[in-house]
């Protein structure tokens, strides 16, 4: 699970970057995307998303490829240039379902 705390004035731009670029790059690089959310009641603005990994090694390799990806670097540079920083803080968690969890 990843949660990005956003600057309120440009949260729309981060949602657009994910919708138009990031999710497609994730798909191209083999990320198993589970879902994307924003908080409606509670602390926000934010973007929360879930990715599924077979192993921690797979996760580390995928993130390394993503961060080195020329398309991602260009998209990030362009949106940062146009709108400034979009994310104020990032949180990452590795979650393991419990035996009684419906979602495995």
N, C-alpha and C. Protein backbone atom coordinates (compact mmCIF):
# COMPACT_ATOMS: atom_id res chain seq x y z
N UNK A 1 0.85 -1.17 0.00
CA UNK A 1 0.00 0.00 0.00
C UNK A 1 0.89 1.22 0.00
N UNK A 2 0.57 2.15 -0.85
CA UNK A 2 1.27 3.43 -0.85
C UNK A 2 0.25 4.54 -0.66
N UNK A 3 0.64 5.50 0.15
CA UNK A 3 -0.22 6.66 0.39
C UNK A 3 0.62 7.91 0.18
N UNK A 4 0.12 8.77 -0.69
CA UNK A 4 0.78 10.04 -0.95
C UNK A 4 -0.05 11.14 -0.33
N UNK A 5 0.53 11.91 0.58
CA UNK A 5 -0.11 13.11 1.08
C UNK A 5 0.15 14.20 0.04
N UNK A 6 -0.92 14.88 -0.34
CA UNK A 6 -0.83 15.83 -1.45
C UNK A 6 -0.94 17.26 -0.97
N UNK A 7 -0.38 18.15 -1.76
CA UNK A 7 -0.64 19.56 -1.59
C UNK A 7 -2.03 19.81 -2.19
N UNK A 8 -2.93 20.41 -1.43
CA UNK A 8 -4.31 20.56 -1.87
C UNK A 8 -4.48 21.33 -3.17
N UNK A 9 -3.63 22.29 -3.43
CA UNK A 9 -3.81 23.12 -4.62
C UNK A 9 -3.50 22.38 -5.92
N UNK A 10 -2.81 21.25 -5.86
CA UNK A 10 -2.49 20.56 -7.11
C UNK A 10 -2.78 19.06 -7.05
N UNK A 11 -3.71 18.65 -6.21
CA UNK A 11 -4.05 17.23 -6.15
C UNK A 11 -4.61 16.74 -7.49
N UNK A 12 -5.37 17.57 -8.16
CA UNK A 12 -5.94 17.18 -9.47
C UNK A 12 -4.82 16.81 -10.45
N UNK A 13 -3.73 17.55 -10.41
CA UNK A 13 -2.62 17.28 -11.34
C UNK A 13 -1.98 15.92 -11.06
N UNK A 14 -1.88 15.52 -9.78
CA UNK A 14 -1.33 14.20 -9.49
C UNK A 14 -2.28 13.11 -9.96
N UNK A 15 -3.58 13.30 -9.73
CA UNK A 15 -4.56 12.31 -10.21
C UNK A 15 -4.47 12.18 -11.73
N UNK A 16 -4.32 13.30 -12.40
CA UNK A 16 -4.19 13.27 -13.87
C UNK A 16 -2.90 12.57 -14.29
N UNK A 17 -1.81 12.82 -13.58
CA UNK A 17 -0.54 12.16 -13.93
C UNK A 17 -0.67 10.65 -13.79
N UNK A 18 -1.33 10.20 -12.72
CA UNK A 18 -1.55 8.76 -12.56
C UNK A 18 -2.46 8.24 -13.67
N UNK A 19 -3.58 8.91 -13.91
CA UNK A 19 -4.55 8.44 -14.90
C UNK A 19 -3.97 8.38 -16.30
N UNK A 20 -3.16 9.36 -16.65
CA UNK A 20 -2.68 9.47 -18.03
C UNK A 20 -1.29 8.90 -18.28
N UNK A 21 -0.53 8.67 -17.21
CA UNK A 21 0.86 8.24 -17.41
C UNK A 21 1.29 7.10 -16.49
N UNK A 22 1.22 7.35 -15.18
CA UNK A 22 1.82 6.42 -14.22
C UNK A 22 1.24 5.03 -14.32
N UNK A 23 -0.10 4.91 -14.38
CA UNK A 23 -0.71 3.58 -14.43
C UNK A 23 -0.30 2.83 -15.70
N UNK A 24 -0.17 3.55 -16.79
CA UNK A 24 0.26 2.92 -18.05
C UNK A 24 1.71 2.45 -17.96
N UNK A 25 2.58 3.26 -17.34
CA UNK A 25 3.97 2.87 -17.16
C UNK A 25 4.06 1.67 -16.23
N UNK A 26 3.27 1.70 -15.14
CA UNK A 26 3.21 0.54 -14.24
C UNK A 26 2.84 -0.71 -15.02
N UNK A 27 1.82 -0.61 -15.86
CA UNK A 27 1.37 -1.77 -16.63
C UNK A 27 2.49 -2.27 -17.54
N UNK A 28 3.13 -1.36 -18.25
CA UNK A 28 4.22 -1.74 -19.16
C UNK A 28 5.35 -2.45 -18.41
N UNK A 29 5.60 -2.04 -17.16
CA UNK A 29 6.69 -2.62 -16.39
C UNK A 29 6.27 -3.84 -15.58
N UNK A 30 5.01 -4.26 -15.72
CA UNK A 30 4.56 -5.49 -15.08
C UNK A 30 4.07 -5.35 -13.65
N UNK A 31 3.76 -4.14 -13.21
CA UNK A 31 3.20 -3.95 -11.87
C UNK A 31 1.80 -4.54 -11.83
N UNK A 32 1.46 -5.26 -10.76
CA UNK A 32 0.12 -5.81 -10.56
C UNK A 32 -0.68 -4.77 -9.77
N UNK A 33 -1.45 -3.96 -10.48
CA UNK A 33 -2.19 -2.85 -9.89
C UNK A 33 -3.54 -3.36 -9.37
N UNK A 34 -3.81 -3.11 -8.08
CA UNK A 34 -5.03 -3.59 -7.46
C UNK A 34 -6.10 -2.51 -7.43
N UNK A 35 -5.75 -1.29 -7.07
CA UNK A 35 -6.75 -0.23 -7.01
C UNK A 35 -6.16 1.09 -6.56
N UNK A 36 -6.88 2.16 -6.89
CA UNK A 36 -6.48 3.53 -6.57
C UNK A 36 -7.64 4.22 -5.87
N UNK A 37 -7.33 5.01 -4.83
CA UNK A 37 -8.36 5.60 -3.99
C UNK A 37 -7.94 6.98 -3.53
N UNK A 38 -8.92 7.76 -3.11
CA UNK A 38 -8.67 9.01 -2.40
C UNK A 38 -9.55 8.99 -1.16
N UNK A 39 -9.11 9.68 -0.13
CA UNK A 39 -9.88 9.74 1.11
C UNK A 39 -11.00 10.76 0.96
N UNK A 40 -12.22 10.34 1.25
CA UNK A 40 -13.38 11.23 1.20
C UNK A 40 -13.70 11.75 2.60
N UNK A 41 -13.62 10.88 3.59
CA UNK A 41 -13.80 11.27 4.99
C UNK A 41 -12.54 10.86 5.72
N UNK A 42 -11.87 11.79 6.35
CA UNK A 42 -10.61 11.52 7.04
C UNK A 42 -9.55 12.49 6.56
N UNK A 43 -8.31 12.16 6.84
CA UNK A 43 -7.20 13.04 6.48
C UNK A 43 -6.92 12.97 4.98
N UNK A 44 -6.86 14.09 4.36
CA UNK A 44 -6.57 14.19 2.94
C UNK A 44 -6.11 15.60 2.66
N UNK A 45 -5.89 15.99 1.44
CA UNK A 45 -6.02 15.18 0.23
C UNK A 45 -4.88 14.16 0.11
N UNK A 46 -5.21 13.08 -0.54
CA UNK A 46 -4.22 12.03 -0.71
C UNK A 46 -4.54 11.18 -1.93
N UNK A 47 -3.62 10.30 -2.21
CA UNK A 47 -3.81 9.24 -3.20
C UNK A 47 -3.30 7.98 -2.53
N UNK A 48 -4.14 6.97 -2.47
CA UNK A 48 -3.77 5.68 -1.88
C UNK A 48 -3.92 4.64 -2.98
N UNK A 49 -2.92 3.78 -3.10
CA UNK A 49 -3.06 2.71 -4.08
C UNK A 49 -2.41 1.44 -3.56
N UNK A 50 -2.90 0.33 -4.13
CA UNK A 50 -2.43 -0.99 -3.74
C UNK A 50 -1.82 -1.67 -4.95
N UNK A 51 -0.65 -2.25 -4.74
CA UNK A 51 0.03 -3.07 -5.73
C UNK A 51 0.26 -4.44 -5.11
N UNK A 52 0.21 -5.48 -5.92
CA UNK A 52 0.41 -6.84 -5.43
C UNK A 52 1.77 -7.34 -5.91
N UNK A 53 2.52 -7.95 -5.01
CA UNK A 53 3.85 -8.46 -5.32
C UNK A 53 3.94 -9.92 -4.95
N UNK A 54 4.67 -10.69 -5.74
CA UNK A 54 4.93 -12.09 -5.44
C UNK A 54 6.03 -12.22 -4.39
N UNK A 55 6.94 -11.25 -4.34
CA UNK A 55 8.04 -11.30 -3.38
C UNK A 55 8.59 -9.88 -3.19
N UNK A 56 9.36 -9.71 -2.15
CA UNK A 56 10.01 -8.42 -1.91
C UNK A 56 11.08 -8.15 -2.96
N UNK A 57 11.71 -9.20 -3.48
CA UNK A 57 12.68 -9.02 -4.56
C UNK A 57 12.01 -8.51 -5.82
N UNK A 58 10.84 -9.05 -6.15
CA UNK A 58 10.10 -8.57 -7.32
C UNK A 58 9.76 -7.09 -7.15
N UNK A 59 9.32 -6.73 -5.95
CA UNK A 59 8.97 -5.33 -5.66
C UNK A 59 10.19 -4.42 -5.85
N UNK A 60 11.32 -4.80 -5.28
CA UNK A 60 12.53 -3.98 -5.38
C UNK A 60 12.96 -3.81 -6.84
N UNK A 61 12.90 -4.90 -7.60
CA UNK A 61 13.28 -4.85 -9.01
C UNK A 61 12.33 -3.94 -9.80
N UNK A 62 11.03 -4.07 -9.56
CA UNK A 62 10.05 -3.26 -10.29
C UNK A 62 10.22 -1.78 -10.00
N UNK A 63 10.41 -1.42 -8.74
CA UNK A 63 10.60 -0.01 -8.39
C UNK A 63 11.90 0.54 -8.97
N UNK A 64 12.94 -0.27 -9.00
CA UNK A 64 14.20 0.18 -9.59
C UNK A 64 14.01 0.47 -11.08
N UNK A 65 13.31 -0.44 -11.78
CA UNK A 65 13.05 -0.23 -13.22
C UNK A 65 12.17 1.00 -13.43
N UNK A 66 11.17 1.19 -12.58
CA UNK A 66 10.28 2.34 -12.69
C UNK A 66 11.07 3.64 -12.52
N UNK A 67 11.85 3.73 -11.45
CA UNK A 67 12.59 4.96 -11.17
C UNK A 67 13.62 5.28 -12.24
N UNK A 68 14.12 4.25 -12.94
CA UNK A 68 15.11 4.45 -14.01
C UNK A 68 14.46 4.65 -15.38
N UNK A 69 13.15 4.48 -15.46
CA UNK A 69 12.45 4.51 -16.75
C UNK A 69 12.48 5.93 -17.35
N UNK A 70 12.97 6.07 -18.58
CA UNK A 70 13.07 7.40 -19.20
C UNK A 70 11.71 8.09 -19.37
N UNK A 71 10.67 7.32 -19.70
CA UNK A 71 9.35 7.94 -19.86
C UNK A 71 8.87 8.50 -18.52
N UNK A 72 9.02 7.73 -17.44
CA UNK A 72 8.63 8.21 -16.11
C UNK A 72 9.42 9.46 -15.73
N UNK A 73 10.72 9.44 -15.97
CA UNK A 73 11.55 10.59 -15.63
C UNK A 73 11.10 11.84 -16.37
N UNK A 74 10.74 11.69 -17.64
CA UNK A 74 10.27 12.83 -18.44
C UNK A 74 8.93 13.34 -17.95
N UNK A 75 8.01 12.43 -17.66
CA UNK A 75 6.68 12.83 -17.15
C UNK A 75 6.81 13.55 -15.82
N UNK A 76 7.59 12.99 -14.92
CA UNK A 76 7.77 13.61 -13.61
C UNK A 76 8.40 15.00 -13.75
N UNK A 77 9.42 15.12 -14.57
CA UNK A 77 10.08 16.41 -14.77
C UNK A 77 9.11 17.44 -15.33
N UNK A 78 8.31 17.03 -16.31
CA UNK A 78 7.37 17.97 -16.94
C UNK A 78 6.29 18.43 -15.96
N UNK A 79 5.70 17.50 -15.21
CA UNK A 79 4.64 17.90 -14.28
C UNK A 79 5.20 18.72 -13.12
N UNK A 80 6.40 18.39 -12.67
CA UNK A 80 7.01 19.18 -11.60
C UNK A 80 7.33 20.59 -12.11
N UNK A 81 7.80 20.69 -13.33
CA UNK A 81 8.09 21.99 -13.92
C UNK A 81 6.81 22.83 -14.06
N UNK A 82 5.72 22.19 -14.48
CA UNK A 82 4.46 22.90 -14.70
C UNK A 82 3.73 23.25 -13.42
N UNK A 83 3.76 22.36 -12.42
CA UNK A 83 2.90 22.51 -11.25
C UNK A 83 3.63 22.55 -9.92
N UNK A 84 4.93 22.32 -9.91
CA UNK A 84 5.67 22.23 -8.66
C UNK A 84 5.53 20.83 -8.08
N UNK A 85 5.99 20.66 -6.86
CA UNK A 85 5.89 19.35 -6.21
C UNK A 85 4.43 18.98 -6.01
N UNK A 86 4.08 17.75 -6.31
CA UNK A 86 2.70 17.29 -6.18
C UNK A 86 2.46 16.50 -4.91
N UNK A 87 3.51 15.92 -4.35
CA UNK A 87 3.38 15.05 -3.17
C UNK A 87 4.20 15.66 -2.04
N UNK A 88 3.55 15.82 -0.88
CA UNK A 88 4.29 16.37 0.26
C UNK A 88 4.97 15.28 1.08
N UNK A 89 4.37 14.09 1.09
CA UNK A 89 4.93 12.98 1.88
C UNK A 89 4.45 11.66 1.32
N UNK A 90 5.31 10.64 1.36
CA UNK A 90 4.97 9.32 0.86
C UNK A 90 5.08 8.31 1.99
N UNK A 91 4.09 7.42 2.07
CA UNK A 91 4.10 6.32 3.04
C UNK A 91 4.00 5.01 2.26
N UNK A 92 4.80 4.04 2.62
CA UNK A 92 4.74 2.72 2.00
C UNK A 92 4.57 1.68 3.09
N UNK A 93 3.69 0.71 2.85
CA UNK A 93 3.47 -0.38 3.79
C UNK A 93 3.38 -1.68 3.00
N UNK A 94 3.91 -2.73 3.58
CA UNK A 94 3.73 -4.07 3.03
C UNK A 94 2.69 -4.74 3.92
N UNK A 95 1.59 -5.15 3.35
CA UNK A 95 0.49 -5.75 4.10
C UNK A 95 0.41 -7.23 3.79
N UNK A 96 0.09 -8.01 4.79
CA UNK A 96 -0.10 -9.44 4.63
C UNK A 96 -1.50 -9.78 5.10
N UNK A 97 -2.31 -10.42 4.25
CA UNK A 97 -3.68 -10.73 4.67
C UNK A 97 -3.71 -11.76 5.80
N UNK A 98 -4.63 -11.57 6.68
CA UNK A 98 -4.85 -12.54 7.74
C UNK A 98 -5.69 -13.70 7.21
N UNK A 99 -5.70 -14.80 7.91
CA UNK A 99 -6.39 -16.01 7.44
C UNK A 99 -7.87 -15.75 7.15
N UNK A 100 -8.50 -14.85 7.87
CA UNK A 100 -9.93 -14.61 7.71
C UNK A 100 -10.24 -13.49 6.73
N UNK A 101 -9.23 -12.94 6.07
CA UNK A 101 -9.43 -11.84 5.13
C UNK A 101 -10.08 -12.35 3.85
N UNK A 102 -11.06 -11.62 3.37
CA UNK A 102 -11.70 -11.94 2.09
C UNK A 102 -10.74 -11.67 0.94
N UNK A 103 -10.01 -10.54 1.03
CA UNK A 103 -9.03 -10.19 0.03
C UNK A 103 -7.72 -10.87 0.39
N UNK A 104 -7.19 -11.68 -0.51
CA UNK A 104 -5.95 -12.43 -0.26
C UNK A 104 -4.83 -11.87 -1.12
